[in-house]
Amino acid sequence: RKFDRELNAKREALRRKEQETIERHDEFVYYDGATEQGFCYRLCCCPHFGKITSERIIYSTEQDRIWTCSFNGLYSIATACWSKQVEQMDYDMVLDVSVEQSCPQMCLGIGTMVLHCES
């Protein structure tokens, strides 16, 4: 009996370990705008955020502004440059990817990535 209980406990532990291995999901990061852009550039130029992983594309868009003459409206206007709305897109929707880069952008190491998606 004791041997059977120990054997069943070991089997259950092995089954749980195998299940964790199957359910574990690793997402690889190919590009992360937060690590590619310097602190001064992020502070002064207010760039958008972008990240490309093995599972999805994460990007930022302009956030809706409150244009009223109140504290919230003034706060929204004052922080408009740094306020971004983060969105994501699965690879299923992406049809094609292209890059636009001018000569000065190439020298600065920046550019624009254009994603052509299903509508």
PDB file of N, CA and C in Angstrom:
ATOM      1  N   ARG A   1       0.802  -1.187   0.000  1.00  0.00           N
ATOM      2  CA  ARG A   1       0.000   0.000   0.000  1.00  0.00           C
ATOM      3  C   ARG A   1       0.856   1.268   0.000  1.00  0.00           C
ATOM      4  N   LYS A   2       1.826   1.317   0.851  1.00  0.00           N
ATOM      5  CA  LYS A   2       2.686   2.490   0.916  1.00  0.00           C
ATOM      6  C   LYS A   2       3.418   2.681  -0.411  1.00  0.00           C
ATOM      7  N   PHE A   3       3.872   1.577  -0.984  1.00  0.00           N
ATOM      8  CA  PHE A   3       4.577   1.634  -2.268  1.00  0.00           C
ATOM      9  C   PHE A   3       3.643   2.180  -3.354  1.00  0.00           C
ATOM     10  N   ASP A   4       2.390   1.726  -3.380  1.00  0.00           N
ATOM     11  CA  ASP A   4       1.422   2.191  -4.371  1.00  0.00           C
ATOM     12  C   ASP A   4       1.115   3.678  -4.203  1.00  0.00           C
ATOM     13  N   ARG A   5       0.983   4.136  -2.972  1.00  0.00           N
ATOM     14  CA  ARG A   5       0.721   5.558  -2.741  1.00  0.00           C
ATOM     15  C   ARG A   5       1.888   6.410  -3.203  1.00  0.00           C
ATOM     16  N   GLU A   6       3.125   5.988  -2.902  1.00  0.00           N
ATOM     17  CA  GLU A   6       4.301   6.733  -3.338  1.00  0.00           C
ATOM     18  C   GLU A   6       4.405   6.740  -4.859  1.00  0.00           C
ATOM     19  N   LEU A   7       4.123   5.602  -5.475  1.00  0.00           N
ATOM     20  CA  LEU A   7       4.169   5.503  -6.928  1.00  0.00           C
ATOM     21  C   LEU A   7       3.113   6.415  -7.561  1.00  0.00           C
ATOM     22  N   ASN A   8       1.905   6.425  -7.022  1.00  0.00           N
ATOM     23  CA  ASN A   8       0.842   7.295  -7.535  1.00  0.00           C
ATOM     24  C   ASN A   8       1.180   8.768  -7.327  1.00  0.00           C
ATOM     25  N   ALA A   9       1.792   9.096  -6.184  1.00  0.00           N
ATOM     26  CA  ALA A   9       2.194  10.480  -5.925  1.00  0.00           C
ATOM     27  C   ALA A   9       3.258  10.919  -6.919  1.00  0.00           C
ATOM     28  N   LYS A  10       4.215  10.032  -7.208  1.00  0.00           N
ATOM     29  CA  LYS A  10       5.254  10.368  -8.192  1.00  0.00           C
ATOM     30  C   LYS A  10       4.660  10.522  -9.585  1.00  0.00           C
ATOM     31  N   ARG A  11       3.718   9.661  -9.932  1.00  0.00           N
ATOM     32  CA  ARG A  11       3.058   9.773 -11.247  1.00  0.00           C
ATOM     33  C   ARG A  11       2.288  11.092 -11.359  1.00  0.00           C
ATOM     34  N   GLU A  12       1.592  11.449 -10.286  1.00  0.00           N
ATOM     35  CA  GLU A  12       0.826  12.698 -10.287  1.00  0.00           C
ATOM     36  C   GLU A  12       1.764  13.903 -10.394  1.00  0.00           C
ATOM     37  N   ALA A  13       2.881  13.873  -9.686  1.00  0.00           N
ATOM     38  CA  ALA A  13       3.854  14.966  -9.770  1.00  0.00           C
ATOM     39  C   ALA A  13       4.424  15.065 -11.177  1.00  0.00           C
ATOM     40  N   LEU A  14       4.724  13.913 -11.792  1.00  0.00           N
ATOM     41  CA  LEU A  14       5.237  13.907 -13.163  1.00  0.00           C
ATOM     42  C   LEU A  14       4.178  14.428 -14.131  1.00  0.00           C
ATOM     43  N   ARG A  15       2.921  14.042 -13.944  1.00  0.00           N
ATOM     44  CA  ARG A  15       1.844  14.511 -14.810  1.00  0.00           C
ATOM     45  C   ARG A  15       1.680  16.035 -14.701  1.00  0.00           C
ATOM     46  N   ARG A  16       1.746  16.571 -13.468  1.00  0.00           N
ATOM     47  CA  ARG A  16       1.643  18.026 -13.286  1.00  0.00           C
ATOM     48  C   ARG A  16       2.815  18.754 -13.937  1.00  0.00           C
ATOM     49  N   LYS A  17       4.012  18.184 -13.813  1.00  0.00           N
ATOM     50  CA  LYS A  17       5.186  18.802 -14.415  1.00  0.00           C
ATOM     51  C   LYS A  17       5.073  18.812 -15.942  1.00  0.00           C
ATOM     52  N   GLU A  18       4.601  17.707 -16.517  1.00  0.00           N
ATOM     53  CA  GLU A  18       4.401  17.651 -17.964  1.00  0.00           C
ATOM     54  C   GLU A  18       3.340  18.657 -18.402  1.00  0.00           C
ATOM     55  N   GLN A  19       2.276  18.802 -17.631  1.00  0.00           N
ATOM     56  CA  GLN A  19       1.217  19.751 -17.963  1.00  0.00           C
ATOM     57  C   GLN A  19       1.739  21.177 -17.931  1.00  0.00           C
ATOM     58  N   GLU A  20       2.570  21.511 -16.936  1.00  0.00           N
ATOM     59  CA  GLU A  20       3.168  22.846 -16.860  1.00  0.00           C
ATOM     60  C   GLU A  20       4.037  23.111 -18.071  1.00  0.00           C
ATOM     61  N   THR A  21       4.778  22.102 -18.510  1.00  0.00           N
ATOM     62  CA  THR A  21       5.642  22.259 -19.684  1.00  0.00           C
ATOM     63  C   THR A  21       4.801  22.503 -20.929  1.00  0.00           C
ATOM     64  N   ILE A  22       3.688  21.805 -21.059  1.00  0.00           N
ATOM     65  CA  ILE A  22       2.824  21.986 -22.226  1.00  0.00           C
ATOM     66  C   ILE A  22       2.162  23.357 -22.192  1.00  0.00           C
ATOM     67  N   GLU A  23       1.717  23.806 -21.016  1.00  0.00           N
ATOM     68  CA  GLU A  23       1.011  25.068 -20.897  1.00  0.00           C
ATOM     69  C   GLU A  23       1.943  26.273 -20.892  1.00  0.00           C
ATOM     70  N   ARG A  24       3.207  26.072 -20.612  1.00  0.00           N
ATOM     71  CA  ARG A  24       4.144  27.195 -20.564  1.00  0.00           C
ATOM     72  C   ARG A  24       4.248  27.828 -21.932  1.00  0.00           C
ATOM     73  N   HIS A  25       4.234  29.136 -21.953  1.00  0.00           N
ATOM     74  CA  HIS A  25       4.222  29.850 -23.219  1.00  0.00           C
ATOM     75  C   HIS A  25       5.339  30.887 -23.207  1.00  0.00           C
ATOM     76  N   ASP A  26       6.298  30.739 -24.085  1.00  0.00           N
ATOM     77  CA  ASP A  26       7.399  31.692 -24.166  1.00  0.00           C
ATOM     78  C   ASP A  26       7.146  32.644 -25.330  1.00  0.00           C
ATOM     79  N   GLU A  27       7.213  33.923 -25.041  1.00  0.00           N
ATOM     80  CA  GLU A  27       7.030  34.950 -26.061  1.00  0.00           C
ATOM     81  C   GLU A  27       8.371  35.644 -26.255  1.00  0.00           C
ATOM     82  N   PHE A  28       8.923  35.563 -27.448  1.00  0.00           N
ATOM     83  CA  PHE A  28      10.225  36.136 -27.730  1.00  0.00           C
ATOM     84  C   PHE A  28      10.067  37.565 -28.228  1.00  0.00           C
ATOM     85  N   VAL A  29      10.901  38.471 -27.746  1.00  0.00           N
ATOM     86  CA  VAL A  29      10.850  39.875 -28.144  1.00  0.00           C
ATOM     87  C   VAL A  29      11.884  40.099 -29.247  1.00  0.00           C
ATOM     88  N   TYR A  30      11.401  40.561 -30.417  1.00  0.00           N
ATOM     89  CA  TYR A  30      12.290  40.857 -31.532  1.00  0.00           C
ATOM     90  C   TYR A  30      12.723  42.314 -31.531  1.00  0.00           C
ATOM     91  N   TYR A  31      11.818  43.218 -31.163  1.00  0.00           N
ATOM     92  CA  TYR A  31      12.131  44.642 -31.113  1.00  0.00           C
ATOM     93  C   TYR A  31      11.369  45.269 -29.952  1.00  0.00           C
ATOM     94  N   ASP A  32      12.044  46.101 -29.171  1.00  0.00           N
ATOM     95  CA  ASP A  32      11.414  46.802 -28.062  1.00  0.00           C
ATOM     96  C   ASP A  32      11.841  48.259 -28.123  1.00  0.00           C
ATOM     97  N   GLY A  33      10.892  49.144 -28.459  1.00  0.00           N
ATOM     98  CA  GLY A  33      11.189  50.563 -28.595  1.00  0.00           C
ATOM     99  C   GLY A  33      11.689  51.187 -27.307  1.00  0.00           C
ATOM    100  N   ALA A  34      11.282  50.662 -26.171  1.00  0.00           N
ATOM    101  CA  ALA A  34      11.708  51.228 -24.889  1.00  0.00           C
ATOM    102  C   ALA A  34      13.205  51.046 -24.669  1.00  0.00           C
ATOM    103  N   THR A  35      13.778  49.975 -25.195  1.00  0.00           N
ATOM    104  CA  THR A  35      15.219  49.764 -25.017  1.00  0.00           C
ATOM    105  C   THR A  35      16.031  50.396 -26.142  1.00  0.00           C
ATOM    106  N   GLU A  36      15.381  50.654 -27.283  1.00  0.00           N
ATOM    107  CA  GLU A  36      16.090  51.223 -28.430  1.00  0.00           C
ATOM    108  C   GLU A  36      16.189  52.744 -28.356  1.00  0.00           C
ATOM    109  N   GLN A  37      15.268  53.392 -27.637  1.00  0.00           N
ATOM    110  CA  GLN A  37      15.246  54.849 -27.561  1.00  0.00           C
ATOM    111  C   GLN A  37      15.901  55.308 -26.268  1.00  0.00           C
ATOM    112  N   GLY A  38      16.693  56.365 -26.371  1.00  0.00           N
ATOM    113  CA  GLY A  38      17.363  56.908 -25.205  1.00  0.00           C
ATOM    114  C   GLY A  38      16.426  57.713 -24.321  1.00  0.00           C
ATOM    115  N   PHE A  39      16.849  57.972 -23.082  1.00  0.00           N
ATOM    116  CA  PHE A  39      16.022  58.698 -22.119  1.00  0.00           C
ATOM    117  C   PHE A  39      15.705  60.111 -22.601  1.00  0.00           C
ATOM    118  N   CYS A  40      16.718  60.833 -23.072  1.00  0.00           N
ATOM    119  CA  CYS A  40      16.498  62.221 -23.519  1.00  0.00           C
ATOM    120  C   CYS A  40      15.559  62.262 -24.723  1.00  0.00           C
ATOM    121  N   TYR A  41      15.715  61.308 -25.629  1.00  0.00           N
ATOM    122  CA  TYR A  41      14.837  61.247 -26.802  1.00  0.00           C
ATOM    123  C   TYR A  41      13.393  61.004 -26.372  1.00  0.00           C
ATOM    124  N   ARG A  42      13.184  60.083 -25.436  1.00  0.00           N
ATOM    125  CA  ARG A  42      11.826  59.806 -24.954  1.00  0.00           C
ATOM    126  C   ARG A  42      11.238  61.001 -24.217  1.00  0.00           C
ATOM    127  N   LEU A  43      12.063  61.731 -23.459  1.00  0.00           N
ATOM    128  CA  LEU A  43      11.579  62.859 -22.684  1.00  0.00           C
ATOM    129  C   LEU A  43      11.239  64.057 -23.570  1.00  0.00           C
ATOM    130  N   CYS A  44      12.109  64.373 -24.513  1.00  0.00           N
ATOM    131  CA  CYS A  44      11.944  65.588 -25.322  1.00  0.00           C
ATOM    132  C   CYS A  44      11.092  65.387 -26.566  1.00  0.00           C
ATOM    133  N   CYS A  45      11.166  64.237 -27.198  1.00  0.00           N
ATOM    134  CA  CYS A  45      10.483  64.035 -28.483  1.00  0.00           C
ATOM    135  C   CYS A  45       9.156  63.311 -28.364  1.00  0.00           C
ATOM    136  N   CYS A  46       8.848  62.763 -27.214  1.00  0.00           N
ATOM    137  CA  CYS A  46       7.571  62.071 -26.968  1.00  0.00           C
ATOM    138  C   CYS A  46       7.238  61.050 -28.044  1.00  0.00           C
ATOM    139  N   PRO A  47       8.121  60.101 -28.313  1.00  0.00           N
ATOM    140  CA  PRO A  47       7.841  59.138 -29.392  1.00  0.00           C
ATOM    141  C   PRO A  47       6.775  58.127 -28.978  1.00  0.00           C
ATOM    142  N   HIS A  48       6.236  57.470 -29.969  1.00  0.00           N
ATOM    143  CA  HIS A  48       5.289  56.396 -29.709  1.00  0.00           C
ATOM    144  C   HIS A  48       6.045  55.142 -29.287  1.00  0.00           C
ATOM    145  N   PHE A  49       5.343  54.257 -28.616  1.00  0.00           N
ATOM    146  CA  PHE A  49       5.923  53.015 -28.128  1.00  0.00           C
ATOM    147  C   PHE A  49       5.630  51.902 -29.117  1.00  0.00           C
ATOM    148  N   GLY A  50       6.581  51.028 -29.329  1.00  0.00           N
ATOM    149  CA  GLY A  50       6.368  49.884 -30.196  1.00  0.00           C
ATOM    150  C   GLY A  50       7.156  48.688 -29.719  1.00  0.00           C
ATOM    151  N   LYS A  51       6.560  47.511 -29.867  1.00  0.00           N
ATOM    152  CA  LYS A  51       7.224  46.272 -29.464  1.00  0.00           C
ATOM    153  C   LYS A  51       6.743  45.167 -30.390  1.00  0.00           C
ATOM    154  N   ILE A  52       7.670  44.388 -30.908  1.00  0.00           N
ATOM    155  CA  ILE A  52       7.334  43.278 -31.787  1.00  0.00           C
ATOM    156  C   ILE A  52       7.802  42.004 -31.109  1.00  0.00           C
ATOM    157  N   THR A  53       6.866  41.084 -30.882  1.00  0.00           N
ATOM    158  CA  THR A  53       7.189  39.818 -30.241  1.00  0.00           C
ATOM    159  C   THR A  53       6.832  38.675 -31.182  1.00  0.00           C
ATOM    160  N   SER A  54       7.077  37.469 -30.734  1.00  0.00           N
ATOM    161  CA  SER A  54       6.776  36.303 -31.553  1.00  0.00           C
ATOM    162  C   SER A  54       5.280  36.043 -31.659  1.00  0.00           C
ATOM    163  N   GLU A  55       4.478  36.682 -30.811  1.00  0.00           N
ATOM    164  CA  GLU A  55       3.038  36.442 -30.798  1.00  0.00           C
ATOM    165  C   GLU A  55       2.196  37.606 -31.272  1.00  0.00           C
ATOM    166  N   ARG A  56       2.680  38.838 -31.099  1.00  0.00           N
ATOM    167  CA  ARG A  56       1.858  40.007 -31.403  1.00  0.00           C
ATOM    168  C   ARG A  56       2.707  41.240 -31.623  1.00  0.00           C
ATOM    169  N   ILE A  57       2.037  42.293 -32.037  1.00  0.00           N
ATOM    170  CA  ILE A  57       2.661  43.601 -32.205  1.00  0.00           C
ATOM    171  C   ILE A  57       1.953  44.548 -31.243  1.00  0.00           C
ATOM    172  N   ILE A  58       2.716  45.216 -30.403  1.00  0.00           N
ATOM    173  CA  ILE A  58       2.174  46.144 -29.421  1.00  0.00           C
ATOM    174  C   ILE A  58       2.625  47.537 -29.831  1.00  0.00           C
ATOM    175  N   TYR A  59       1.704  48.486 -29.862  1.00  0.00           N
ATOM    176  CA  TYR A  59       2.037  49.832 -30.314  1.00  0.00           C
ATOM    177  C   TYR A  59       1.182  50.850 -29.564  1.00  0.00           C
ATOM    178  N   SER A  60       1.557  52.119 -29.683  1.00  0.00           N
ATOM    179  CA  SER A  60       0.801  53.167 -29.011  1.00  0.00           C
ATOM    180  C   SER A  60       0.162  54.087 -30.047  1.00  0.00           C
ATOM    181  N   THR A  61      -0.968  54.658 -29.658  1.00  0.00           N
ATOM    182  CA  THR A  61      -1.673  55.630 -30.489  1.00  0.00           C
ATOM    183  C   THR A  61      -1.963  56.854 -29.638  1.00  0.00           C
ATOM    184  N   GLU A  62      -2.406  57.907 -30.289  1.00  0.00           N
ATOM    185  CA  GLU A  62      -2.762  59.118 -29.547  1.00  0.00           C
ATOM    186  C   GLU A  62      -3.972  58.847 -28.668  1.00  0.00           C
ATOM    187  N   GLN A  63      -3.937  59.370 -27.474  1.00  0.00           N
ATOM    188  CA  GLN A  63      -5.044  59.198 -26.539  1.00  0.00           C
ATOM    189  C   GLN A  63      -6.068  60.311 -26.761  1.00  0.00           C
ATOM    190  N   ASP A  64      -7.317  60.018 -26.502  1.00  0.00           N
ATOM    191  CA  ASP A  64      -8.364  61.034 -26.625  1.00  0.00           C
ATOM    192  C   ASP A  64      -8.096  62.171 -25.646  1.00  0.00           C
ATOM    193  N   ARG A  65      -8.291  63.390 -26.105  1.00  0.00           N
ATOM    194  CA  ARG A  65      -8.030  64.573 -25.275  1.00  0.00           C
ATOM    195  C   ARG A  65      -9.340  65.154 -24.767  1.00  0.00           C
ATOM    196  N   ILE A  66      -9.279  65.740 -23.588  1.00  0.00           N
ATOM    197  CA  ILE A  66     -10.421  66.460 -23.035  1.00  0.00           C
ATOM    198  C   ILE A  66     -10.134  67.945 -23.245  1.00  0.00           C
ATOM    199  N   TRP A  67     -10.883  68.586 -24.110  1.00  0.00           N
ATOM    200  CA  TRP A  67     -10.647  69.991 -24.433  1.00  0.00           C
ATOM    201  C   TRP A  67     -11.677  70.877 -23.734  1.00  0.00           C
ATOM    202  N   THR A  68     -11.682  70.876 -22.407  1.00  0.00           N
ATOM    203  CA  THR A  68     -12.580  71.731 -21.646  1.00  0.00           C
ATOM    204  C   THR A  68     -11.761  72.656 -20.767  1.00  0.00           C
ATOM    205  N   CYS A  69     -12.377  73.692 -20.315  1.00  0.00           N
ATOM    206  CA  CYS A  69     -11.700  74.660 -19.455  1.00  0.00           C
ATOM    207  C   CYS A  69     -11.901  74.246 -17.993  1.00  0.00           C
ATOM    208  N   SER A  70     -11.265  73.145 -17.624  1.00  0.00           N
ATOM    209  CA  SER A  70     -11.335  72.641 -16.248  1.00  0.00           C
ATOM    210  C   SER A  70      -9.964  72.085 -15.889  1.00  0.00           C
ATOM    211  N   PHE A  71      -9.815  71.627 -14.664  1.00  0.00           N
ATOM    212  CA  PHE A  71      -8.530  71.061 -14.254  1.00  0.00           C
ATOM    213  C   PHE A  71      -8.184  69.833 -15.089  1.00  0.00           C
ATOM    214  N   ASN A  72      -9.165  68.944 -15.306  1.00  0.00           N
ATOM    215  CA  ASN A  72      -8.916  67.745 -16.118  1.00  0.00           C
ATOM    216  C   ASN A  72      -8.549  68.108 -17.542  1.00  0.00           C
ATOM    217  N   GLY A  73      -9.203  69.116 -18.088  1.00  0.00           N
ATOM    218  CA  GLY A  73      -8.893  69.554 -19.448  1.00  0.00           C
ATOM    219  C   GLY A  73      -7.492  70.136 -19.548  1.00  0.00           C
ATOM    220  N   LEU A  74      -7.112  70.978 -18.589  1.00  0.00           N
ATOM    221  CA  LEU A  74      -5.764  71.556 -18.590  1.00  0.00           C
ATOM    222  C   LEU A  74      -4.701  70.485 -18.389  1.00  0.00           C
ATOM    223  N   TYR A  75      -4.988  69.525 -17.494  1.00  0.00           N
ATOM    224  CA  TYR A  75      -4.060  68.409 -17.271  1.00  0.00           C
ATOM    225  C   TYR A  75      -3.900  67.579 -18.540  1.00  0.00           C
ATOM    226  N   SER A  76      -4.995  67.339 -19.241  1.00  0.00           N
ATOM    227  CA  SER A  76      -4.965  66.565 -20.485  1.00  0.00           C
ATOM    228  C   SER A  76      -4.127  67.281 -21.543  1.00  0.00           C
ATOM    229  N   ILE A  77      -4.269  68.595 -21.634  1.00  0.00           N
ATOM    230  CA  ILE A  77      -3.497  69.366 -22.617  1.00  0.00           C
ATOM    231  C   ILE A  77      -2.020  69.388 -22.236  1.00  0.00           C
ATOM    232  N   ALA A  78      -1.725  69.574 -20.940  1.00  0.00           N
ATOM    233  CA  ALA A  78      -0.332  69.654 -20.486  1.00  0.00           C
ATOM    234  C   ALA A  78       0.411  68.337 -20.664  1.00  0.00           C
ATOM    235  N   THR A  79      -0.280  67.218 -20.515  1.00  0.00           N
ATOM    236  CA  THR A  79       0.379  65.908 -20.615  1.00  0.00           C
ATOM    237  C   THR A  79       0.100  65.216 -21.949  1.00  0.00           C
ATOM    238  N   ALA A  80      -0.426  65.955 -22.914  1.00  0.00           N
ATOM    239  CA  ALA A  80      -0.816  65.352 -24.200  1.00  0.00           C
ATOM    240  C   ALA A  80       0.348  64.663 -24.891  1.00  0.00           C
ATOM    241  N   CYS A  81       1.521  65.236 -24.792  1.00  0.00           N
ATOM    242  CA  CYS A  81       2.688  64.676 -25.486  1.00  0.00           C
ATOM    243  C   CYS A  81       3.061  63.302 -24.944  1.00  0.00           C
ATOM    244  N   TRP A  82       2.929  63.098 -23.639  1.00  0.00           N
ATOM    245  CA  TRP A  82       3.379  61.846 -23.033  1.00  0.00           C
ATOM    246  C   TRP A  82       2.260  60.830 -22.825  1.00  0.00           C
ATOM    247  N   SER A  83       1.020  61.221 -23.082  1.00  0.00           N
ATOM    248  CA  SER A  83      -0.115  60.315 -22.874  1.00  0.00           C
ATOM    249  C   SER A  83      -0.359  59.501 -24.136  1.00  0.00           C
ATOM    250  N   LYS A  84      -0.223  58.220 -24.018  1.00  0.00           N
ATOM    251  CA  LYS A  84      -0.420  57.316 -25.161  1.00  0.00           C
ATOM    252  C   LYS A  84      -1.403  56.226 -24.767  1.00  0.00           C
ATOM    253  N   GLN A  85      -2.107  55.715 -25.738  1.00  0.00           N
ATOM    254  CA  GLN A  85      -2.996  54.583 -25.543  1.00  0.00           C
ATOM    255  C   GLN A  85      -2.346  53.371 -26.194  1.00  0.00           C
ATOM    256  N   VAL A  86      -2.131  52.318 -25.425  1.00  0.00           N
ATOM    257  CA  VAL A  86      -1.429  51.140 -25.922  1.00  0.00           C
ATOM    258  C   VAL A  86      -2.433  50.152 -26.495  1.00  0.00           C
ATOM    259  N   GLU A  87      -2.130  49.650 -27.688  1.00  0.00           N
ATOM    260  CA  GLU A  87      -2.978  48.673 -28.360  1.00  0.00           C
ATOM    261  C   GLU A  87      -2.103  47.515 -28.815  1.00  0.00           C
ATOM    262  N   GLN A  88      -2.739  46.424 -29.205  1.00  0.00           N
ATOM    263  CA  GLN A  88      -1.985  45.283 -29.718  1.00  0.00           C
ATOM    264  C   GLN A  88      -2.713  44.666 -30.893  1.00  0.00           C
ATOM    265  N   MET A  89      -1.956  43.942 -31.700  1.00  0.00           N
ATOM    266  CA  MET A  89      -2.498  43.317 -32.889  1.00  0.00           C
ATOM    267  C   MET A  89      -1.851  41.946 -33.050  1.00  0.00           C
ATOM    268  N   ASP A  90      -2.650  40.944 -33.329  1.00  0.00           N
ATOM    269  CA  ASP A  90      -2.124  39.603 -33.587  1.00  0.00           C
ATOM    270  C   ASP A  90      -1.596  39.521 -35.009  1.00  0.00           C
ATOM    271  N   TYR A  91      -0.695  38.596 -35.238  1.00  0.00           N
ATOM    272  CA  TYR A  91      -0.123  38.434 -36.571  1.00  0.00           C
ATOM    273  C   TYR A  91      -1.139  37.969 -37.607  1.00  0.00           C
ATOM    274  N   ASP A  92      -2.269  37.407 -37.151  1.00  0.00           N
ATOM    275  CA  ASP A  92      -3.289  36.943 -38.091  1.00  0.00           C
ATOM    276  C   ASP A  92      -3.821  38.084 -38.946  1.00  0.00           C
ATOM    277  N   MET A  93      -3.821  39.293 -38.416  1.00  0.00           N
ATOM    278  CA  MET A  93      -4.388  40.441 -39.124  1.00  0.00           C
ATOM    279  C   MET A  93      -3.394  41.115 -40.065  1.00  0.00           C
ATOM    280  N   VAL A  94      -2.112  40.867 -39.918  1.00  0.00           N
ATOM    281  CA  VAL A  94      -1.084  41.557 -40.695  1.00  0.00           C
ATOM    282  C   VAL A  94      -0.905  40.886 -42.057  1.00  0.00           C
ATOM    283  N   LEU A  95      -1.057  41.680 -43.117  1.00  0.00           N
ATOM    284  CA  LEU A  95      -0.863  41.168 -44.470  1.00  0.00           C
ATOM    285  C   LEU A  95       0.555  41.415 -44.969  1.00  0.00           C
ATOM    286  N   ASP A  96       1.093  42.608 -44.655  1.00  0.00           N
ATOM    287  CA  ASP A  96       2.426  42.973 -45.140  1.00  0.00           C
ATOM    288  C   ASP A  96       3.010  44.031 -44.209  1.00  0.00           C
ATOM    289  N   VAL A  97       4.328  44.102 -44.172  1.00  0.00           N
ATOM    290  CA  VAL A  97       5.033  45.090 -43.355  1.00  0.00           C
ATOM    291  C   VAL A  97       6.038  45.803 -44.239  1.00  0.00           C
ATOM    292  N   SER A  98       6.078  47.133 -44.147  1.00  0.00           N
ATOM    293  CA  SER A  98       7.079  47.898 -44.891  1.00  0.00           C
ATOM    294  C   SER A  98       7.676  48.940 -43.952  1.00  0.00           C
ATOM    295  N   VAL A  99       8.821  49.465 -44.350  1.00  0.00           N
ATOM    296  CA  VAL A  99       9.534  50.449 -43.532  1.00  0.00           C
ATOM    297  C   VAL A  99       9.799  51.680 -44.377  1.00  0.00           C
ATOM    298  N   GLU A 100       9.519  52.845 -43.808  1.00  0.00           N
ATOM    299  CA  GLU A 100       9.818  54.118 -44.455  1.00  0.00           C
ATOM    300  C   GLU A 100      10.896  54.808 -43.637  1.00  0.00           C
ATOM    301  N   GLN A 101      11.969  55.237 -44.316  1.00  0.00           N
ATOM    302  CA  GLN A 101      13.084  55.855 -43.598  1.00  0.00           C
ATOM    303  C   GLN A 101      13.776  56.846 -44.523  1.00  0.00           C
ATOM    304  N   SER A 102      13.856  58.112 -44.100  1.00  0.00           N
ATOM    305  CA  SER A 102      14.571  59.130 -44.863  1.00  0.00           C
ATOM    306  C   SER A 102      16.053  59.098 -44.478  1.00  0.00           C
ATOM    307  N   CYS A 103      16.852  59.864 -45.178  1.00  0.00           N
ATOM    308  CA  CYS A 103      18.295  59.894 -44.894  1.00  0.00           C
ATOM    309  C   CYS A 103      18.584  60.389 -43.467  1.00  0.00           C
ATOM    310  N   PRO A 104      17.970  61.519 -43.035  1.00  0.00           N
ATOM    311  CA  PRO A 104      18.221  61.941 -41.643  1.00  0.00           C
ATOM    312  C   PRO A 104      17.743  60.907 -40.610  1.00  0.00           C
ATOM    313  N   GLN A 105      16.621  60.244 -40.906  1.00  0.00           N
ATOM    314  CA  GLN A 105      16.137  59.212 -39.993  1.00  0.00           C
ATOM    315  C   GLN A 105      17.119  58.053 -39.931  1.00  0.00           C
ATOM    316  N   MET A 106      17.712  57.715 -41.063  1.00  0.00           N
ATOM    317  CA  MET A 106      18.688  56.630 -41.077  1.00  0.00           C
ATOM    318  C   MET A 106      19.897  56.995 -40.218  1.00  0.00           C
ATOM    319  N   CYS A 107      20.338  58.244 -40.292  1.00  0.00           N
ATOM    320  CA  CYS A 107      21.479  58.682 -39.483  1.00  0.00           C
ATOM    321  C   CYS A 107      21.147  58.669 -37.986  1.00  0.00           C
ATOM    322  N   LEU A 108      19.886  58.957 -37.650  1.00  0.00           N
ATOM    323  CA  LEU A 108      19.471  58.962 -36.250  1.00  0.00           C
ATOM    324  C   LEU A 108      19.085  57.580 -35.742  1.00  0.00           C
ATOM    325  N   GLY A 109      18.961  56.624 -36.664  1.00  0.00           N
ATOM    326  CA  GLY A 109      18.591  55.268 -36.266  1.00  0.00           C
ATOM    327  C   GLY A 109      17.106  55.132 -35.960  1.00  0.00           C
ATOM    328  N   ILE A 110      16.271  55.955 -36.633  1.00  0.00           N
ATOM    329  CA  ILE A 110      14.828  55.879 -36.424  1.00  0.00           C
ATOM    330  C   ILE A 110      14.150  55.667 -37.770  1.00  0.00           C
ATOM    331  N   GLY A 111      12.878  55.408 -37.766  1.00  0.00           N
ATOM    332  CA  GLY A 111      12.121  55.217 -38.997  1.00  0.00           C
ATOM    333  C   GLY A 111      10.678  54.917 -38.673  1.00  0.00           C
ATOM    334  N   THR A 112       9.916  54.659 -39.709  1.00  0.00           N
ATOM    335  CA  THR A 112       8.492  54.378 -39.550  1.00  0.00           C
ATOM    336  C   THR A 112       8.192  52.998 -40.111  1.00  0.00           C
ATOM    337  N   MET A 113       7.543  52.175 -39.307  1.00  0.00           N
ATOM    338  CA  MET A 113       7.137  50.864 -39.763  1.00  0.00           C
ATOM    339  C   MET A 113       5.650  50.940 -40.117  1.00  0.00           C
ATOM    340  N   VAL A 114       5.318  50.514 -41.324  1.00  0.00           N
ATOM    341  CA  VAL A 114       3.928  50.550 -41.790  1.00  0.00           C
ATOM    342  C   VAL A 114       3.396  49.127 -41.840  1.00  0.00           C
ATOM    343  N   LEU A 115       2.303  48.882 -41.132  1.00  0.00           N
ATOM    344  CA  LEU A 115       1.675  47.563 -41.111  1.00  0.00           C
ATOM    345  C   LEU A 115       0.433  47.595 -41.982  1.00  0.00           C
ATOM    346  N   HIS A 116       0.367  46.749 -42.984  1.00  0.00           N
ATOM    347  CA  HIS A 116      -0.791  46.643 -43.852  1.00  0.00           C
ATOM    348  C   HIS A 116      -1.643  45.506 -43.311  1.00  0.00           C
ATOM    349  N   CYS A 117      -2.860  45.841 -42.856  1.00  0.00           N
ATOM    350  CA  CYS A 117      -3.699  44.874 -42.151  1.00  0.00           C
ATOM    351  C   CYS A 117      -5.023  44.653 -42.849  1.00  0.00           C
ATOM    352  N   GLU A 118      -5.676  43.566 -42.433  1.00  0.00           N
ATOM    353  CA  GLU A 118      -7.032  43.300 -42.902  1.00  0.00           C
ATOM    354  C   GLU A 118      -7.961  44.336 -42.300  1.00  0.00           C
ATOM    355  N   SER A 119      -9.001  44.668 -43.041  1.00  0.00           N
ATOM    356  CA  SER A 119      -9.961  45.643 -42.486  1.00  0.00           C
ATOM    357  C   SER A 119     -11.180  44.946 -41.929  1.00  0.00           C
TER     358      SER A 119
END
